[in-house]
Amino acid sequence: MLRFDLVAVDSRDTARRECGELLPLVESGHLRWESVTEIGEIVAGLQPGRVSDEQITLYKSHGMAVQDLYVAARVLELVRAQGLVRTSAA
C-alpha cells in the first residue's frame, strides 16, 4: 500500500471513522487525511485523478448508499429509454 500516488475514497469523513486499512498509514506518517481525495471531487473535475499511466491509485470504497441509489436510478433510466422494461398485466 505504500506504493500509491493517489488515495481516493467515497467520503473523507467516513474513511476517517471506518477505514482500518488507512489508519496505520496515517499514524505512521505515510498518509495525511488532507491529501486523500474524494472520488466525487475527481469525477466533478475539482481535483485531479491520475496524471500519468505510471501513477498508482488506491481507491477505498465504503459502499455509500447514496451512490448505490444513484446507480440504480441511472440503470432504470437507461433500461426504460431502451424499451427493456416489461409491465405485467394485473
N, C-alpha and C. Protein backbone atom coordinates (compact mmCIF):
# COMPACT_ATOMS: atom_id res chain seq x y z
N MET A 1 0.81 -1.20 0.00
CA MET A 1 0.00 0.00 0.00
C MET A 1 0.85 1.26 0.00
N LEU A 2 2.12 1.15 0.25
CA LEU A 2 2.97 2.34 0.30
C LEU A 2 3.39 2.82 -1.09
N ARG A 3 3.00 2.11 -2.14
CA ARG A 3 3.41 2.49 -3.49
C ARG A 3 2.42 3.44 -4.16
N PHE A 4 1.36 3.82 -3.50
CA PHE A 4 0.34 4.65 -4.13
C PHE A 4 0.82 6.08 -4.35
N ASP A 5 0.27 6.68 -5.41
CA ASP A 5 0.50 8.10 -5.70
C ASP A 5 -0.73 8.93 -5.36
N LEU A 6 -1.90 8.29 -5.37
CA LEU A 6 -3.16 8.96 -5.14
C LEU A 6 -4.04 8.05 -4.31
N VAL A 7 -4.67 8.60 -3.28
CA VAL A 7 -5.64 7.85 -2.49
C VAL A 7 -6.98 8.54 -2.64
N ALA A 8 -7.97 7.77 -3.07
CA ALA A 8 -9.32 8.29 -3.24
C ALA A 8 -10.28 7.45 -2.41
N VAL A 9 -11.29 8.11 -1.86
CA VAL A 9 -12.30 7.44 -1.04
C VAL A 9 -13.67 7.99 -1.40
N ASP A 10 -14.71 7.30 -0.96
CA ASP A 10 -16.08 7.80 -1.14
C ASP A 10 -16.25 9.11 -0.38
N SER A 11 -15.83 9.09 0.87
CA SER A 11 -16.00 10.23 1.77
C SER A 11 -14.85 10.25 2.78
N ARG A 12 -14.19 11.40 2.90
CA ARG A 12 -13.10 11.52 3.88
C ARG A 12 -13.60 11.26 5.30
N ASP A 13 -14.76 11.83 5.63
CA ASP A 13 -15.29 11.66 6.98
C ASP A 13 -15.55 10.18 7.29
N THR A 14 -16.14 9.49 6.34
CA THR A 14 -16.40 8.06 6.54
C THR A 14 -15.09 7.29 6.62
N ALA A 15 -14.14 7.62 5.79
CA ALA A 15 -12.85 6.93 5.80
C ALA A 15 -12.14 7.12 7.14
N ARG A 16 -12.19 8.31 7.69
CA ARG A 16 -11.56 8.57 8.99
C ARG A 16 -12.16 7.69 10.08
N ARG A 17 -13.45 7.43 10.00
CA ARG A 17 -14.13 6.64 11.02
C ARG A 17 -14.05 5.14 10.77
N GLU A 18 -14.05 4.73 9.49
CA GLU A 18 -14.27 3.32 9.19
C GLU A 18 -13.15 2.62 8.43
N CYS A 19 -12.16 3.33 7.98
CA CYS A 19 -11.16 2.73 7.11
C CYS A 19 -9.94 2.23 7.89
N GLY A 20 -10.04 1.03 8.40
CA GLY A 20 -8.96 0.45 9.17
C GLY A 20 -7.68 0.26 8.37
N GLU A 21 -7.81 0.12 7.05
CA GLU A 21 -6.62 -0.06 6.22
C GLU A 21 -5.78 1.21 6.11
N LEU A 22 -6.42 2.36 6.16
CA LEU A 22 -5.68 3.63 6.02
C LEU A 22 -5.16 4.17 7.34
N LEU A 23 -5.80 3.82 8.44
CA LEU A 23 -5.39 4.36 9.74
C LEU A 23 -3.92 4.13 10.07
N PRO A 24 -3.38 2.92 9.86
CA PRO A 24 -1.95 2.74 10.15
C PRO A 24 -1.04 3.63 9.30
N LEU A 25 -1.46 3.90 8.05
CA LEU A 25 -0.66 4.77 7.18
C LEU A 25 -0.66 6.20 7.71
N VAL A 26 -1.79 6.64 8.23
CA VAL A 26 -1.88 7.99 8.80
C VAL A 26 -1.05 8.05 10.08
N GLU A 27 -1.21 7.04 10.92
CA GLU A 27 -0.49 7.02 12.19
C GLU A 27 1.02 6.96 12.01
N SER A 28 1.48 6.31 10.94
CA SER A 28 2.92 6.21 10.69
C SER A 28 3.47 7.39 9.91
N GLY A 29 2.59 8.31 9.47
CA GLY A 29 3.03 9.48 8.74
C GLY A 29 3.17 9.29 7.24
N HIS A 30 2.77 8.13 6.72
CA HIS A 30 2.86 7.87 5.28
C HIS A 30 1.69 8.48 4.50
N LEU A 31 0.67 8.92 5.22
CA LEU A 31 -0.51 9.48 4.59
C LEU A 31 -1.10 10.55 5.49
N ARG A 32 -1.57 11.64 4.87
CA ARG A 32 -2.28 12.68 5.61
C ARG A 32 -3.72 12.72 5.10
N TRP A 33 -4.66 12.84 6.01
CA TRP A 33 -6.06 12.88 5.60
C TRP A 33 -6.31 14.02 4.61
N GLU A 34 -5.58 15.11 4.75
CA GLU A 34 -5.75 16.25 3.84
C GLU A 34 -5.38 15.91 2.40
N SER A 35 -4.55 14.89 2.20
CA SER A 35 -4.14 14.52 0.85
C SER A 35 -5.06 13.47 0.22
N VAL A 36 -6.01 12.96 0.99
CA VAL A 36 -6.96 11.97 0.48
C VAL A 36 -8.05 12.71 -0.31
N THR A 37 -8.34 12.23 -1.50
CA THR A 37 -9.30 12.86 -2.40
C THR A 37 -10.60 12.07 -2.42
N GLU A 38 -11.71 12.76 -2.43
CA GLU A 38 -12.99 12.08 -2.58
C GLU A 38 -13.22 11.81 -4.06
N ILE A 39 -13.76 10.64 -4.36
CA ILE A 39 -13.98 10.25 -5.75
C ILE A 39 -14.90 11.23 -6.46
N GLY A 40 -15.85 11.79 -5.74
CA GLY A 40 -16.75 12.79 -6.33
C GLY A 40 -16.03 14.04 -6.79
N GLU A 41 -14.96 14.40 -6.07
CA GLU A 41 -14.17 15.57 -6.46
C GLU A 41 -13.43 15.30 -7.77
N ILE A 42 -12.99 14.07 -7.95
CA ILE A 42 -12.31 13.71 -9.20
C ILE A 42 -13.30 13.71 -10.35
N VAL A 43 -14.46 13.07 -10.15
CA VAL A 43 -15.48 12.99 -11.19
C VAL A 43 -15.97 14.38 -11.59
N ALA A 44 -16.12 15.27 -10.62
CA ALA A 44 -16.60 16.63 -10.89
C ALA A 44 -15.52 17.54 -11.46
N GLY A 45 -14.28 17.05 -11.53
CA GLY A 45 -13.19 17.86 -12.07
C GLY A 45 -12.63 18.86 -11.07
N LEU A 46 -12.98 18.71 -9.79
CA LEU A 46 -12.48 19.63 -8.77
C LEU A 46 -11.08 19.27 -8.30
N GLN A 47 -10.72 18.00 -8.42
CA GLN A 47 -9.39 17.51 -8.06
C GLN A 47 -8.90 16.61 -9.19
N PRO A 48 -7.61 16.59 -9.44
CA PRO A 48 -7.11 15.71 -10.49
C PRO A 48 -7.11 14.25 -10.02
N GLY A 49 -7.31 13.37 -10.96
CA GLY A 49 -7.10 11.96 -10.70
C GLY A 49 -5.65 11.65 -11.03
N ARG A 50 -5.43 10.50 -11.60
CA ARG A 50 -4.06 10.20 -12.04
C ARG A 50 -3.67 11.15 -13.16
N VAL A 51 -2.42 11.53 -13.17
CA VAL A 51 -1.95 12.42 -14.24
C VAL A 51 -1.01 11.71 -15.20
N SER A 52 -0.71 10.43 -14.91
CA SER A 52 0.10 9.63 -15.83
C SER A 52 -0.25 8.15 -15.63
N ASP A 53 0.01 7.36 -16.66
CA ASP A 53 -0.26 5.93 -16.60
C ASP A 53 0.61 5.22 -15.57
N GLU A 54 1.71 5.83 -15.18
CA GLU A 54 2.61 5.20 -14.22
C GLU A 54 2.14 5.34 -12.77
N GLN A 55 1.26 6.29 -12.53
CA GLN A 55 0.79 6.51 -11.17
C GLN A 55 -0.10 5.35 -10.70
N ILE A 56 -0.01 5.09 -9.42
CA ILE A 56 -0.82 4.05 -8.80
C ILE A 56 -1.87 4.72 -7.92
N THR A 57 -3.13 4.35 -8.14
CA THR A 57 -4.23 4.90 -7.37
C THR A 57 -4.76 3.85 -6.41
N LEU A 58 -4.95 4.24 -5.19
CA LEU A 58 -5.61 3.39 -4.20
C LEU A 58 -7.00 3.97 -3.98
N TYR A 59 -8.02 3.18 -4.31
CA TYR A 59 -9.40 3.63 -4.10
C TYR A 59 -10.04 2.73 -3.05
N LYS A 60 -10.49 3.32 -1.98
CA LYS A 60 -11.14 2.59 -0.90
C LYS A 60 -12.60 3.00 -0.86
N SER A 61 -13.48 2.08 -1.22
CA SER A 61 -14.91 2.33 -1.22
C SER A 61 -15.54 1.81 0.06
N HIS A 62 -16.47 2.56 0.59
CA HIS A 62 -17.18 2.14 1.79
C HIS A 62 -18.64 1.81 1.49
N GLY A 63 -18.98 1.72 0.22
CA GLY A 63 -20.33 1.33 -0.16
C GLY A 63 -21.40 2.28 0.31
N MET A 64 -21.23 3.54 0.00
CA MET A 64 -22.19 4.55 0.46
C MET A 64 -23.52 4.37 -0.28
N ALA A 65 -24.60 4.32 0.47
CA ALA A 65 -25.93 4.05 -0.09
C ALA A 65 -26.34 5.06 -1.14
N VAL A 66 -25.97 6.31 -1.00
CA VAL A 66 -26.37 7.33 -1.97
C VAL A 66 -25.80 7.00 -3.35
N GLN A 67 -24.61 6.44 -3.41
CA GLN A 67 -24.04 6.05 -4.70
C GLN A 67 -24.80 4.87 -5.29
N ASP A 68 -25.18 3.92 -4.45
CA ASP A 68 -25.96 2.78 -4.92
C ASP A 68 -27.30 3.24 -5.49
N LEU A 69 -27.95 4.17 -4.81
CA LEU A 69 -29.23 4.69 -5.28
C LEU A 69 -29.09 5.43 -6.61
N TYR A 70 -28.04 6.21 -6.74
CA TYR A 70 -27.82 6.94 -7.99
C TYR A 70 -27.62 5.96 -9.15
N VAL A 71 -26.78 4.96 -8.93
CA VAL A 71 -26.51 3.97 -9.99
C VAL A 71 -27.80 3.23 -10.36
N ALA A 72 -28.58 2.82 -9.37
CA ALA A 72 -29.82 2.11 -9.64
C ALA A 72 -30.78 2.98 -10.45
N ALA A 73 -30.90 4.25 -10.08
CA ALA A 73 -31.78 5.17 -10.80
C ALA A 73 -31.31 5.35 -12.25
N ARG A 74 -30.01 5.45 -12.43
CA ARG A 74 -29.45 5.63 -13.78
C ARG A 74 -29.67 4.39 -14.64
N VAL A 75 -29.47 3.22 -14.06
CA VAL A 75 -29.70 1.97 -14.80
C VAL A 75 -31.17 1.87 -15.20
N LEU A 76 -32.08 2.17 -14.29
CA LEU A 76 -33.51 2.14 -14.61
C LEU A 76 -33.84 3.12 -15.73
N GLU A 77 -33.25 4.29 -15.68
CA GLU A 77 -33.46 5.29 -16.74
C GLU A 77 -33.01 4.76 -18.10
N LEU A 78 -31.85 4.14 -18.13
CA LEU A 78 -31.32 3.59 -19.39
C LEU A 78 -32.16 2.42 -19.89
N VAL A 79 -32.60 1.57 -18.99
CA VAL A 79 -33.43 0.43 -19.37
C VAL A 79 -34.76 0.91 -19.96
N ARG A 80 -35.35 1.90 -19.32
CA ARG A 80 -36.61 2.46 -19.84
C ARG A 80 -36.40 3.11 -21.20
N ALA A 81 -35.30 3.83 -21.36
CA ALA A 81 -35.02 4.51 -22.63
C ALA A 81 -34.83 3.51 -23.77
N GLN A 82 -34.36 2.32 -23.45
CA GLN A 82 -34.14 1.29 -24.46
C GLN A 82 -35.36 0.39 -24.64
N GLY A 83 -36.44 0.68 -23.89
CA GLY A 83 -37.66 -0.10 -24.02
C GLY A 83 -37.55 -1.51 -23.47
N LEU A 84 -36.69 -1.70 -22.53
CA LEU A 84 -36.47 -3.04 -21.98
C LEU A 84 -37.30 -3.36 -20.75
N VAL A 85 -38.15 -2.42 -20.35
CA VAL A 85 -38.98 -2.64 -19.16
C VAL A 85 -40.27 -3.32 -19.58
N ARG A 86 -40.60 -4.41 -18.89
CA ARG A 86 -41.86 -5.11 -19.14
C ARG A 86 -42.79 -4.83 -17.99
N THR A 87 -44.02 -4.58 -18.33
CA THR A 87 -45.02 -4.42 -17.28
C THR A 87 -45.94 -5.61 -17.32
N SER A 88 -46.32 -6.10 -16.18
CA SER A 88 -47.23 -7.26 -16.14
C SER A 88 -48.65 -6.78 -16.05
N ALA A 89 -49.52 -7.51 -16.64
CA ALA A 89 -50.96 -7.16 -16.58
C ALA A 89 -51.50 -7.61 -15.23
N ALA A 90 -52.18 -6.69 -14.57
CA ALA A 90 -52.72 -7.03 -13.24
C ALA A 90 -54.14 -7.50 -13.33
